Amino acid sequence: MMKSLRPALTMLVALTIITGLLYPLAMTGLAQAIFPRQANGSLIERNGVVVGSALIGQNFTSPRYFHGRPSATTGPDPADPSKSVPQPYNAANSMGSNLGPTNPALIDRVRTDAAALKAENPNVPVPIDLVTTTASGLDPDISPEAAMFQAPRVAAARGLPAQQVAALVAAHTEGRLFGLIGEPHVNVLALNLALDGTAAN
């Protein structure tokens, strides 16, 4: 019996060391050497202070800032930990709403959000990504159309020329990867930081 058991135990220990220790260490080392910024969370700094990640959205609500996509993430209720309450962009609880297209709660929420946005910019169709959530609830990007839709509000709230804000959006629009993969997008946090820098100057 030991004759059969010894090779099995040897393989178990060897594969545990290789796949559980050596491989992860090698991949971590390569990532730190080749892509250190991405391996450390794609953090964004301002004046030496980390203000967020390029990979995780933030809940901007002031009219002076561009807003991201709605987020359906939740977290424990501070008053009653057994219950959940909305906590937009809660990175510890990535999730979608799981509401189907015929769910009345989803329909009411989208209708309310669309009406508020339409009042903000009545002459332009509301971009769909400003009223729909993603599966993760953490999307840091919006479409260039969604950013341009918000530009008049941001310009008015900050007292900046509309053309200047529109130019800022255009400067922060990233194209498709290799010209083929994905869609053009704007990172909301990076755009808002640039907006603060423009206002300060």
N, C-alpha and C. Protein backbone atom coordinates (compact mmCIF):
# COMPACT_ATOMS: atom_id res chain seq x y z
N MET A 1 0.82 -1.21 0.00
CA MET A 1 0.00 0.00 0.00
C MET A 1 0.86 1.27 0.00
N MET A 2 1.92 1.28 0.82
CA MET A 2 2.82 2.45 0.85
C MET A 2 3.48 2.67 -0.50
N LYS A 3 3.70 1.58 -1.23
CA LYS A 3 4.31 1.68 -2.54
C LYS A 3 3.41 2.49 -3.49
N SER A 4 2.09 2.35 -3.34
CA SER A 4 1.15 3.10 -4.17
C SER A 4 0.90 4.50 -3.61
N LEU A 5 0.95 4.62 -2.30
CA LEU A 5 0.65 5.90 -1.65
C LEU A 5 1.77 6.91 -1.80
N ARG A 6 3.04 6.43 -1.78
CA ARG A 6 4.19 7.34 -1.83
C ARG A 6 4.20 8.20 -3.10
N PRO A 7 4.01 7.65 -4.32
CA PRO A 7 4.00 8.50 -5.52
C PRO A 7 2.86 9.53 -5.51
N ALA A 8 1.70 9.11 -4.98
CA ALA A 8 0.57 10.04 -4.93
C ALA A 8 0.86 11.21 -4.00
N LEU A 9 1.43 10.92 -2.82
CA LEU A 9 1.78 12.00 -1.89
C LEU A 9 2.88 12.89 -2.45
N THR A 10 3.84 12.27 -3.12
CA THR A 10 4.93 13.04 -3.73
C THR A 10 4.38 14.00 -4.78
N MET A 11 3.48 13.50 -5.63
CA MET A 11 2.88 14.37 -6.66
C MET A 11 2.04 15.47 -6.02
N LEU A 12 1.31 15.14 -4.95
CA LEU A 12 0.50 16.15 -4.26
C LEU A 12 1.37 17.28 -3.72
N VAL A 13 2.47 16.92 -3.05
CA VAL A 13 3.36 17.93 -2.49
C VAL A 13 4.03 18.73 -3.59
N ALA A 14 4.50 18.04 -4.64
CA ALA A 14 5.20 18.72 -5.74
C ALA A 14 4.28 19.70 -6.46
N LEU A 15 3.07 19.26 -6.78
CA LEU A 15 2.13 20.14 -7.49
C LEU A 15 1.65 21.29 -6.60
N THR A 16 1.52 21.03 -5.29
CA THR A 16 1.15 22.11 -4.37
C THR A 16 2.22 23.19 -4.36
N ILE A 17 3.48 22.78 -4.32
CA ILE A 17 4.59 23.75 -4.32
C ILE A 17 4.65 24.50 -5.65
N ILE A 18 4.49 23.74 -6.76
CA ILE A 18 4.61 24.37 -8.09
C ILE A 18 3.44 25.33 -8.35
N THR A 19 2.20 24.82 -8.19
CA THR A 19 1.04 25.64 -8.56
C THR A 19 0.56 26.57 -7.45
N GLY A 20 0.88 26.23 -6.20
CA GLY A 20 0.41 27.05 -5.10
C GLY A 20 1.42 28.05 -4.59
N LEU A 21 2.70 27.87 -4.95
CA LEU A 21 3.75 28.75 -4.43
C LEU A 21 4.61 29.34 -5.54
N LEU A 22 5.27 28.47 -6.33
CA LEU A 22 6.21 28.96 -7.34
C LEU A 22 5.52 29.74 -8.46
N TYR A 23 4.44 29.19 -9.01
CA TYR A 23 3.75 29.86 -10.11
C TYR A 23 3.19 31.23 -9.68
N PRO A 24 2.44 31.32 -8.56
CA PRO A 24 1.95 32.65 -8.15
C PRO A 24 3.07 33.65 -7.89
N LEU A 25 4.18 33.20 -7.26
CA LEU A 25 5.30 34.11 -7.02
C LEU A 25 5.92 34.59 -8.33
N ALA A 26 6.05 33.67 -9.30
CA ALA A 26 6.63 34.04 -10.59
C ALA A 26 5.74 35.04 -11.31
N MET A 27 4.42 34.80 -11.31
CA MET A 27 3.50 35.72 -11.99
C MET A 27 3.47 37.09 -11.31
N THR A 28 3.50 37.09 -9.98
CA THR A 28 3.51 38.35 -9.23
C THR A 28 4.79 39.12 -9.53
N GLY A 29 5.92 38.42 -9.55
CA GLY A 29 7.20 39.06 -9.85
C GLY A 29 7.23 39.64 -11.25
N LEU A 30 6.73 38.88 -12.24
CA LEU A 30 6.70 39.36 -13.62
C LEU A 30 5.78 40.58 -13.75
N ALA A 31 4.62 40.51 -13.11
CA ALA A 31 3.68 41.63 -13.18
C ALA A 31 4.29 42.89 -12.58
N GLN A 32 4.98 42.75 -11.45
CA GLN A 32 5.61 43.91 -10.81
C GLN A 32 6.74 44.46 -11.68
N ALA A 33 7.44 43.59 -12.40
CA ALA A 33 8.56 44.03 -13.23
C ALA A 33 8.09 44.67 -14.54
N ILE A 34 7.07 44.08 -15.16
CA ILE A 34 6.64 44.53 -16.48
C ILE A 34 5.52 45.58 -16.41
N PHE A 35 4.53 45.36 -15.53
CA PHE A 35 3.38 46.26 -15.42
C PHE A 35 3.18 46.69 -13.96
N PRO A 36 4.11 47.42 -13.37
CA PRO A 36 3.99 47.74 -11.94
C PRO A 36 2.75 48.56 -11.60
N ARG A 37 2.38 49.50 -12.45
CA ARG A 37 1.21 50.34 -12.15
C ARG A 37 -0.06 49.51 -12.14
N GLN A 38 -0.25 48.68 -13.16
CA GLN A 38 -1.44 47.85 -13.23
C GLN A 38 -1.46 46.80 -12.13
N ALA A 39 -0.29 46.22 -11.81
CA ALA A 39 -0.23 45.18 -10.78
C ALA A 39 -0.58 45.74 -9.40
N ASN A 40 -0.38 47.02 -9.21
CA ASN A 40 -0.67 47.65 -7.92
C ASN A 40 -2.02 48.36 -7.88
N GLY A 41 -2.89 48.05 -8.86
CA GLY A 41 -4.26 48.56 -8.79
C GLY A 41 -4.55 49.76 -9.67
N SER A 42 -3.62 50.15 -10.55
CA SER A 42 -3.83 51.31 -11.43
C SER A 42 -4.29 52.53 -10.63
N LEU A 43 -3.56 52.80 -9.55
CA LEU A 43 -3.93 53.90 -8.66
C LEU A 43 -3.65 55.26 -9.29
N ILE A 44 -4.51 56.22 -8.99
CA ILE A 44 -4.37 57.59 -9.48
C ILE A 44 -4.03 58.48 -8.29
N GLU A 45 -2.97 59.27 -8.44
CA GLU A 45 -2.52 60.15 -7.37
C GLU A 45 -2.71 61.61 -7.76
N ARG A 46 -2.93 62.45 -6.75
CA ARG A 46 -2.94 63.90 -6.93
C ARG A 46 -2.16 64.50 -5.79
N ASN A 47 -1.12 65.24 -6.12
CA ASN A 47 -0.23 65.84 -5.12
C ASN A 47 0.34 64.79 -4.16
N GLY A 48 0.66 63.62 -4.72
CA GLY A 48 1.27 62.56 -3.91
C GLY A 48 0.30 61.76 -3.06
N VAL A 49 -1.00 62.04 -3.19
CA VAL A 49 -2.02 61.34 -2.39
C VAL A 49 -2.88 60.50 -3.33
N VAL A 50 -3.09 59.23 -2.99
CA VAL A 50 -3.94 58.36 -3.80
C VAL A 50 -5.39 58.80 -3.65
N VAL A 51 -6.03 59.11 -4.79
CA VAL A 51 -7.42 59.57 -4.75
C VAL A 51 -8.38 58.54 -5.34
N GLY A 52 -7.85 57.45 -5.86
CA GLY A 52 -8.72 56.42 -6.41
C GLY A 52 -7.96 55.52 -7.35
N SER A 53 -8.72 54.68 -8.04
CA SER A 53 -8.16 53.75 -9.02
C SER A 53 -8.81 54.01 -10.37
N ALA A 54 -8.03 53.81 -11.42
CA ALA A 54 -8.57 53.97 -12.77
C ALA A 54 -9.53 52.83 -13.11
N LEU A 55 -9.58 51.80 -12.26
CA LEU A 55 -10.40 50.62 -12.52
C LEU A 55 -11.72 50.60 -11.77
N ILE A 56 -11.90 51.51 -10.79
CA ILE A 56 -13.09 51.49 -9.96
C ILE A 56 -13.72 52.88 -9.95
N GLY A 57 -15.00 52.95 -10.29
CA GLY A 57 -15.70 54.22 -10.33
C GLY A 57 -15.89 54.82 -8.94
N GLN A 58 -16.24 56.09 -8.93
CA GLN A 58 -16.53 56.79 -7.68
C GLN A 58 -17.87 57.50 -7.81
N ASN A 59 -18.51 57.75 -6.69
CA ASN A 59 -19.86 58.31 -6.68
C ASN A 59 -19.80 59.84 -6.66
N PHE A 60 -19.64 60.46 -7.82
CA PHE A 60 -19.67 61.92 -7.92
C PHE A 60 -21.13 62.36 -8.02
N THR A 61 -21.54 63.27 -7.15
CA THR A 61 -22.93 63.74 -7.16
C THR A 61 -23.05 65.25 -7.39
N SER A 62 -21.97 66.00 -7.16
CA SER A 62 -22.02 67.45 -7.33
C SER A 62 -22.22 67.81 -8.80
N PRO A 63 -22.99 68.86 -9.09
CA PRO A 63 -23.14 69.29 -10.49
C PRO A 63 -21.84 69.81 -11.09
N ARG A 64 -20.85 70.07 -10.25
CA ARG A 64 -19.55 70.57 -10.73
C ARG A 64 -18.68 69.46 -11.31
N TYR A 65 -19.14 68.22 -11.19
CA TYR A 65 -18.34 67.08 -11.66
C TYR A 65 -19.13 66.23 -12.66
N PHE A 66 -18.40 65.54 -13.51
CA PHE A 66 -19.01 64.54 -14.37
C PHE A 66 -19.40 63.34 -13.51
N HIS A 67 -20.54 62.73 -13.83
CA HIS A 67 -21.04 61.58 -13.08
C HIS A 67 -20.80 60.32 -13.89
N GLY A 68 -20.55 59.21 -13.19
CA GLY A 68 -20.36 57.93 -13.85
C GLY A 68 -21.69 57.22 -14.07
N ARG A 69 -21.59 55.97 -14.48
CA ARG A 69 -22.79 55.15 -14.66
C ARG A 69 -23.41 54.87 -13.30
N PRO A 70 -24.72 54.64 -13.25
CA PRO A 70 -25.33 54.25 -11.97
C PRO A 70 -24.70 52.96 -11.46
N SER A 71 -24.63 52.82 -10.15
CA SER A 71 -24.05 51.62 -9.53
C SER A 71 -25.09 50.98 -8.63
N ALA A 72 -25.23 49.65 -8.74
CA ALA A 72 -26.23 48.93 -7.95
C ALA A 72 -25.62 48.22 -6.74
N THR A 73 -24.34 48.51 -6.44
CA THR A 73 -23.72 47.81 -5.32
C THR A 73 -24.35 48.23 -3.98
N THR A 74 -24.31 47.31 -3.04
CA THR A 74 -24.89 47.55 -1.72
C THR A 74 -23.87 47.25 -0.63
N GLY A 75 -24.25 47.55 0.60
CA GLY A 75 -23.41 47.27 1.76
C GLY A 75 -24.29 47.15 2.99
N PRO A 76 -23.71 46.74 4.13
CA PRO A 76 -24.51 46.60 5.34
C PRO A 76 -25.05 47.95 5.84
N ASP A 77 -26.26 47.93 6.32
CA ASP A 77 -26.88 49.12 6.89
C ASP A 77 -26.20 49.44 8.23
N PRO A 78 -25.63 50.64 8.40
CA PRO A 78 -24.98 50.99 9.67
C PRO A 78 -25.91 50.87 10.87
N ALA A 79 -27.21 51.09 10.65
CA ALA A 79 -28.17 51.01 11.75
C ALA A 79 -28.58 49.57 12.05
N ASP A 80 -28.50 48.71 11.03
CA ASP A 80 -28.90 47.31 11.21
C ASP A 80 -28.07 46.44 10.26
N PRO A 81 -26.95 45.88 10.73
CA PRO A 81 -26.05 45.11 9.86
C PRO A 81 -26.69 43.90 9.17
N SER A 82 -27.86 43.49 9.64
CA SER A 82 -28.53 42.35 9.00
C SER A 82 -29.21 42.77 7.69
N LYS A 83 -29.29 44.08 7.43
CA LYS A 83 -29.93 44.59 6.22
C LYS A 83 -28.90 45.23 5.30
N SER A 84 -29.26 45.34 4.04
CA SER A 84 -28.38 45.97 3.05
C SER A 84 -28.98 47.30 2.60
N VAL A 85 -28.10 48.24 2.31
CA VAL A 85 -28.53 49.54 1.79
C VAL A 85 -27.67 49.86 0.57
N PRO A 86 -28.15 50.70 -0.34
CA PRO A 86 -27.33 51.07 -1.50
C PRO A 86 -26.03 51.76 -1.07
N GLN A 87 -24.93 51.30 -1.62
CA GLN A 87 -23.62 51.92 -1.43
C GLN A 87 -22.93 51.94 -2.80
N PRO A 88 -23.18 52.99 -3.60
CA PRO A 88 -22.63 53.02 -4.96
C PRO A 88 -21.12 52.84 -4.98
N TYR A 89 -20.66 52.05 -5.95
CA TYR A 89 -19.24 51.79 -6.18
C TYR A 89 -18.55 51.17 -4.97
N ASN A 90 -19.26 50.31 -4.26
CA ASN A 90 -18.68 49.59 -3.12
C ASN A 90 -17.83 48.45 -3.67
N ALA A 91 -16.52 48.65 -3.69
CA ALA A 91 -15.62 47.66 -4.29
C ALA A 91 -15.57 46.36 -3.52
N ALA A 92 -16.03 46.35 -2.29
CA ALA A 92 -16.04 45.13 -1.49
C ALA A 92 -17.25 44.27 -1.80
N ASN A 93 -18.17 44.78 -2.62
CA ASN A 93 -19.40 44.04 -2.89
C ASN A 93 -19.83 44.24 -4.34
N SER A 94 -18.92 43.90 -5.26
CA SER A 94 -19.20 44.08 -6.68
C SER A 94 -20.41 43.24 -7.10
N MET A 95 -21.38 43.91 -7.71
CA MET A 95 -22.59 43.20 -8.12
C MET A 95 -23.46 44.07 -9.01
N GLY A 96 -24.35 43.43 -9.74
CA GLY A 96 -25.38 44.14 -10.47
C GLY A 96 -26.67 44.11 -9.67
N SER A 97 -27.72 44.67 -10.22
CA SER A 97 -28.98 44.72 -9.48
C SER A 97 -29.76 43.41 -9.58
N ASN A 98 -29.48 42.61 -10.61
CA ASN A 98 -30.20 41.36 -10.88
C ASN A 98 -31.69 41.60 -11.15
N LEU A 99 -32.05 42.82 -11.56
CA LEU A 99 -33.44 43.11 -11.90
C LEU A 99 -33.63 42.91 -13.40
N GLY A 100 -34.66 42.16 -13.77
CA GLY A 100 -34.94 41.91 -15.18
C GLY A 100 -35.56 43.11 -15.86
N PRO A 101 -35.61 43.11 -17.20
CA PRO A 101 -36.10 44.28 -17.93
C PRO A 101 -37.58 44.58 -17.70
N THR A 102 -38.34 43.62 -17.16
CA THR A 102 -39.75 43.88 -16.89
C THR A 102 -40.02 44.18 -15.41
N ASN A 103 -38.96 44.26 -14.61
CA ASN A 103 -39.14 44.52 -13.18
C ASN A 103 -39.59 45.96 -12.97
N PRO A 104 -40.71 46.18 -12.26
CA PRO A 104 -41.21 47.56 -12.05
C PRO A 104 -40.22 48.47 -11.34
N ALA A 105 -39.43 47.92 -10.41
CA ALA A 105 -38.46 48.75 -9.68
C ALA A 105 -37.40 49.28 -10.64
N LEU A 106 -36.94 48.43 -11.56
CA LEU A 106 -35.94 48.86 -12.54
C LEU A 106 -36.54 49.89 -13.50
N ILE A 107 -37.74 49.63 -13.97
CA ILE A 107 -38.40 50.55 -14.91
C ILE A 107 -38.59 51.92 -14.26
N ASP A 108 -39.05 51.94 -13.02
CA ASP A 108 -39.26 53.20 -12.31
C ASP A 108 -37.95 53.95 -12.10
N ARG A 109 -36.89 53.22 -11.73
CA ARG A 109 -35.59 53.87 -11.50
C ARG A 109 -35.04 54.47 -12.78
N VAL A 110 -35.10 53.72 -13.88
CA VAL A 110 -34.60 54.22 -15.16
C VAL A 110 -35.43 55.42 -15.63
N ARG A 111 -36.75 55.33 -15.47
CA ARG A 111 -37.63 56.42 -15.89
C ARG A 111 -37.33 57.69 -15.09
N THR A 112 -37.13 57.55 -13.79
CA THR A 112 -36.83 58.70 -12.93
C THR A 112 -35.48 59.32 -13.30
N ASP A 113 -34.46 58.46 -13.47
CA ASP A 113 -33.13 58.95 -13.84
C ASP A 113 -33.16 59.65 -15.20
N ALA A 114 -33.87 59.05 -16.16
CA ALA A 114 -33.93 59.64 -17.50
C ALA A 114 -34.63 60.99 -17.48
N ALA A 115 -35.69 61.11 -16.67
CA ALA A 115 -36.41 62.39 -16.59
C ALA A 115 -35.52 63.48 -15.99
N ALA A 116 -34.74 63.12 -14.95
CA ALA A 116 -33.85 64.10 -14.33
C ALA A 116 -32.77 64.54 -15.31
N LEU A 117 -32.24 63.60 -16.07
CA LEU A 117 -31.21 63.93 -17.05
C LEU A 117 -31.78 64.76 -18.19
N LYS A 118 -32.99 64.43 -18.60
CA LYS A 118 -33.64 65.18 -19.69
C LYS A 118 -33.87 66.62 -19.28
N ALA A 119 -34.20 66.84 -18.01
CA ALA A 119 -34.39 68.20 -17.52
C ALA A 119 -33.07 68.96 -17.51
N GLU A 120 -31.98 68.23 -17.30
CA GLU A 120 -30.64 68.83 -17.26
C GLU A 120 -30.19 69.28 -18.64
N ASN A 121 -30.53 68.50 -19.68
CA ASN A 121 -30.09 68.80 -21.04
C ASN A 121 -31.21 68.38 -22.00
N PRO A 122 -32.27 69.19 -22.11
CA PRO A 122 -33.49 68.76 -22.83
C PRO A 122 -33.34 68.59 -24.34
N ASN A 123 -32.31 69.16 -24.94
CA ASN A 123 -32.20 69.13 -26.41
C ASN A 123 -31.38 67.96 -26.94
N VAL A 124 -30.88 67.09 -26.04
CA VAL A 124 -30.02 65.99 -26.47
C VAL A 124 -30.59 64.68 -25.93
N PRO A 125 -30.63 63.60 -26.75
CA PRO A 125 -31.09 62.31 -26.24
C PRO A 125 -30.20 61.83 -25.08
N VAL A 126 -30.82 61.22 -24.08
CA VAL A 126 -30.07 60.73 -22.92
C VAL A 126 -29.28 59.49 -23.31
N PRO A 127 -27.94 59.50 -23.16
CA PRO A 127 -27.14 58.31 -23.46
C PRO A 127 -27.52 57.16 -22.53
N ILE A 128 -27.60 55.97 -23.08
CA ILE A 128 -28.10 54.83 -22.31
C ILE A 128 -27.21 54.48 -21.13
N ASP A 129 -25.91 54.75 -21.23
CA ASP A 129 -25.03 54.36 -20.12
C ASP A 129 -25.18 55.28 -18.90
N LEU A 130 -25.94 56.35 -19.02
CA LEU A 130 -26.19 57.20 -17.85
C LEU A 130 -27.40 56.74 -17.04
N VAL A 131 -28.14 55.75 -17.57
CA VAL A 131 -29.30 55.25 -16.84
C VAL A 131 -29.23 53.74 -16.60
N THR A 132 -28.21 53.07 -17.12
CA THR A 132 -28.08 51.62 -16.93
C THR A 132 -26.83 51.30 -16.11
N THR A 133 -26.93 50.27 -15.28
CA THR A 133 -25.79 49.83 -14.48
C THR A 133 -25.05 48.73 -15.21
N THR A 134 -23.84 48.44 -14.75
CA THR A 134 -23.08 47.33 -15.29
C THR A 134 -23.19 46.14 -14.35
N ALA A 135 -22.71 44.99 -14.80
CA ALA A 135 -22.77 43.78 -13.98
C ALA A 135 -21.94 43.91 -12.72
N SER A 136 -20.82 44.64 -12.79
CA SER A 136 -19.95 44.78 -11.62
C SER A 136 -20.42 45.90 -10.69
N GLY A 137 -21.06 46.93 -11.25
CA GLY A 137 -21.43 48.10 -10.46
C GLY A 137 -20.26 49.02 -10.18
N LEU A 138 -19.11 48.74 -10.80
CA LEU A 138 -17.89 49.50 -10.49
C LEU A 138 -17.29 50.20 -11.71
N ASP A 139 -18.00 50.22 -12.82
CA ASP A 139 -17.45 50.72 -14.08
C ASP A 139 -16.93 52.15 -13.90
N PRO A 140 -15.63 52.38 -14.20
CA PRO A 140 -15.06 53.72 -14.02
C PRO A 140 -15.23 54.62 -15.24
N ASP A 141 -15.74 54.06 -16.34
CA ASP A 141 -15.78 54.79 -17.61
C ASP A 141 -17.21 55.07 -18.06
N ILE A 142 -17.34 56.11 -18.86
CA ILE A 142 -18.59 56.39 -19.57
C ILE A 142 -18.25 56.62 -21.03
N SER A 143 -19.27 56.61 -21.87
CA SER A 143 -19.05 56.87 -23.29
C SER A 143 -18.75 58.35 -23.50
N PRO A 144 -18.07 58.69 -24.61
CA PRO A 144 -17.86 60.11 -24.92
C PRO A 144 -19.18 60.87 -25.04
N GLU A 145 -20.22 60.18 -25.53
CA GLU A 145 -21.53 60.83 -25.65
C GLU A 145 -22.10 61.18 -24.27
N ALA A 146 -21.90 60.29 -23.30
CA ALA A 146 -22.39 60.54 -21.94
C ALA A 146 -21.63 61.70 -21.31
N ALA A 147 -20.33 61.80 -21.60
CA ALA A 147 -19.55 62.91 -21.06
C ALA A 147 -19.97 64.23 -21.71
N MET A 148 -20.14 64.22 -23.04
CA MET A 148 -20.53 65.46 -23.73
C MET A 148 -21.94 65.89 -23.31
N PHE A 149 -22.80 64.93 -23.00
CA PHE A 149 -24.15 65.25 -22.53
C PHE A 149 -24.09 66.07 -21.24
N GLN A 150 -23.12 65.74 -20.37
CA GLN A 150 -23.00 66.41 -19.08
C GLN A 150 -22.19 67.71 -19.14
N ALA A 151 -21.47 67.91 -20.23
CA ALA A 151 -20.57 69.06 -20.33
C ALA A 151 -21.25 70.41 -20.09
N PRO A 152 -22.45 70.67 -20.64
CA PRO A 152 -23.08 71.97 -20.38
C PRO A 152 -23.37 72.20 -18.89
N ARG A 153 -23.81 71.16 -18.19
CA ARG A 153 -24.08 71.31 -16.75
C ARG A 153 -22.81 71.62 -15.98
N VAL A 154 -21.74 70.88 -16.28
CA VAL A 154 -20.46 71.09 -15.59
C VAL A 154 -19.93 72.49 -15.89
N ALA A 155 -20.00 72.90 -17.15
CA ALA A 155 -19.51 74.24 -17.53
C ALA A 155 -20.29 75.33 -16.79
N ALA A 156 -21.61 75.18 -16.74
CA ALA A 156 -22.43 76.19 -16.06
C ALA A 156 -22.15 76.22 -14.56
N ALA A 157 -21.99 75.04 -13.94
CA ALA A 157 -21.76 74.98 -12.50
C ALA A 157 -20.42 75.56 -12.12
N ARG A 158 -19.44 75.48 -13.02
CA ARG A 158 -18.09 75.98 -12.72
C ARG A 158 -17.82 77.35 -13.33
N GLY A 159 -18.74 77.86 -14.13
CA GLY A 159 -18.51 79.15 -14.76
C GLY A 159 -17.41 79.09 -15.80
N LEU A 160 -17.29 77.94 -16.48
CA LEU A 160 -16.26 77.78 -17.51
C LEU A 160 -16.91 77.83 -18.89
N PRO A 161 -16.17 78.23 -19.93
CA PRO A 161 -16.74 78.20 -21.29
C PRO A 161 -17.07 76.76 -21.68
N ALA A 162 -18.21 76.57 -22.33
CA ALA A 162 -18.64 75.23 -22.73
C ALA A 162 -17.63 74.58 -23.66
N GLN A 163 -17.01 75.38 -24.53
CA GLN A 163 -16.03 74.83 -25.47
C GLN A 163 -14.81 74.28 -24.73
N GLN A 164 -14.43 74.93 -23.64
CA GLN A 164 -13.27 74.47 -22.88
C GLN A 164 -13.55 73.12 -22.23
N VAL A 165 -14.74 72.95 -21.68
CA VAL A 165 -15.11 71.69 -21.05
C VAL A 165 -15.23 70.59 -22.11
N ALA A 166 -15.81 70.93 -23.26
CA ALA A 166 -15.93 69.96 -24.35
C ALA A 166 -14.55 69.52 -24.84
N ALA A 167 -13.62 70.46 -24.92
CA ALA A 167 -12.25 70.13 -25.34
C ALA A 167 -11.58 69.21 -24.33
N LEU A 168 -11.88 69.41 -23.05
CA LEU A 168 -11.32 68.56 -22.00
C LEU A 168 -11.85 67.13 -22.15
N VAL A 169 -13.13 67.00 -22.46
CA VAL A 169 -13.71 65.67 -22.69
C VAL A 169 -13.03 65.00 -23.87
N ALA A 170 -12.86 65.74 -24.96
CA ALA A 170 -12.22 65.18 -26.15
C ALA A 170 -10.79 64.74 -25.85
N ALA A 171 -10.08 65.53 -25.04
CA ALA A 171 -8.69 65.19 -24.71
C ALA A 171 -8.59 63.93 -23.85
N HIS A 172 -9.66 63.62 -23.10
CA HIS A 172 -9.63 62.45 -22.21
C HIS A 172 -10.41 61.26 -22.76
N THR A 173 -10.79 61.34 -24.02
CA THR A 173 -11.47 60.20 -24.66
C THR A 173 -10.43 59.22 -25.18
N GLU A 174 -10.52 57.99 -24.72
CA GLU A 174 -9.60 56.93 -25.14
C GLU A 174 -10.28 56.10 -26.21
N GLY A 175 -9.55 55.79 -27.28
CA GLY A 175 -10.13 55.03 -28.39
C GLY A 175 -10.10 53.54 -28.14
N ARG A 176 -10.50 52.79 -29.15
CA ARG A 176 -10.49 51.33 -29.07
C ARG A 176 -9.06 50.81 -28.94
N LEU A 177 -8.89 49.73 -28.19
CA LEU A 177 -7.58 49.12 -28.04
C LEU A 177 -7.13 48.58 -29.39
N PHE A 178 -5.94 49.01 -29.83
CA PHE A 178 -5.39 48.64 -31.14
C PHE A 178 -6.32 49.07 -32.28
N GLY A 179 -7.21 50.01 -32.00
CA GLY A 179 -8.15 50.48 -33.01
C GLY A 179 -9.28 49.52 -33.31
N LEU A 180 -9.36 48.38 -32.59
CA LEU A 180 -10.34 47.35 -32.90
C LEU A 180 -11.18 46.90 -31.71
N ILE A 181 -10.56 46.79 -30.53
CA ILE A 181 -11.20 46.15 -29.39
C ILE A 181 -11.87 47.17 -28.48
N GLY A 182 -13.12 46.88 -28.10
CA GLY A 182 -13.85 47.75 -27.19
C GLY A 182 -14.44 48.96 -27.87
N GLU A 183 -14.88 49.90 -27.05
CA GLU A 183 -15.51 51.13 -27.54
C GLU A 183 -14.75 52.34 -26.98
N PRO A 184 -14.82 53.48 -27.65
CA PRO A 184 -14.22 54.70 -27.07
C PRO A 184 -14.85 54.99 -25.71
N HIS A 185 -14.05 55.45 -24.76
CA HIS A 185 -14.55 55.68 -23.41
C HIS A 185 -13.78 56.81 -22.74
N VAL A 186 -14.37 57.31 -21.66
CA VAL A 186 -13.77 58.39 -20.87
C VAL A 186 -13.72 57.94 -19.42
N ASN A 187 -12.54 58.00 -18.79
CA ASN A 187 -12.42 57.67 -17.38
C ASN A 187 -12.91 58.86 -16.57
N VAL A 188 -13.95 58.66 -15.78
CA VAL A 188 -14.62 59.77 -15.08
C VAL A 188 -13.70 60.41 -14.04
N LEU A 189 -12.98 59.59 -13.27
CA LEU A 189 -12.10 60.15 -12.25
C LEU A 189 -10.99 60.98 -12.87
N ALA A 190 -10.36 60.47 -13.91
CA ALA A 190 -9.28 61.21 -14.57
C ALA A 190 -9.80 62.52 -15.16
N LEU A 191 -11.01 62.48 -15.75
CA LEU A 191 -11.59 63.69 -16.32
C LEU A 191 -11.90 64.72 -15.23
N ASN A 192 -12.44 64.27 -14.11
CA ASN A 192 -12.76 65.20 -13.03
C ASN A 192 -11.50 65.80 -12.40
N LEU A 193 -10.45 65.02 -12.31
CA LEU A 193 -9.18 65.56 -11.78
C LEU A 193 -8.62 66.61 -12.74
N ALA A 194 -8.71 66.33 -14.04
CA ALA A 194 -8.26 67.32 -15.03
C ALA A 194 -9.11 68.57 -14.96
N LEU A 195 -10.40 68.38 -14.71
CA LEU A 195 -11.32 69.52 -14.58
C LEU A 195 -10.93 70.38 -13.38
N ASP A 196 -10.61 69.76 -12.26
CA ASP A 196 -10.15 70.51 -11.08
C ASP A 196 -8.87 71.27 -11.38
N GLY A 197 -7.96 70.60 -12.11
CA GLY A 197 -6.70 71.26 -12.47
C GLY A 197 -6.92 72.44 -13.38
N THR A 198 -7.84 72.33 -14.31
CA THR A 198 -8.15 73.44 -15.22
C THR A 198 -8.75 74.61 -14.46
N ALA A 199 -9.66 74.29 -13.55
CA ALA A 199 -10.31 75.34 -12.75
C ALA A 199 -9.28 76.05 -11.87
N ALA A 200 -8.36 75.28 -11.32
CA ALA A 200 -7.34 75.88 -10.45
C ALA A 200 -6.43 76.81 -11.22
N ASN A 201 -6.11 76.43 -12.47
CA ASN A 201 -5.23 77.26 -13.28
C ASN A 201 -5.94 78.50 -13.78
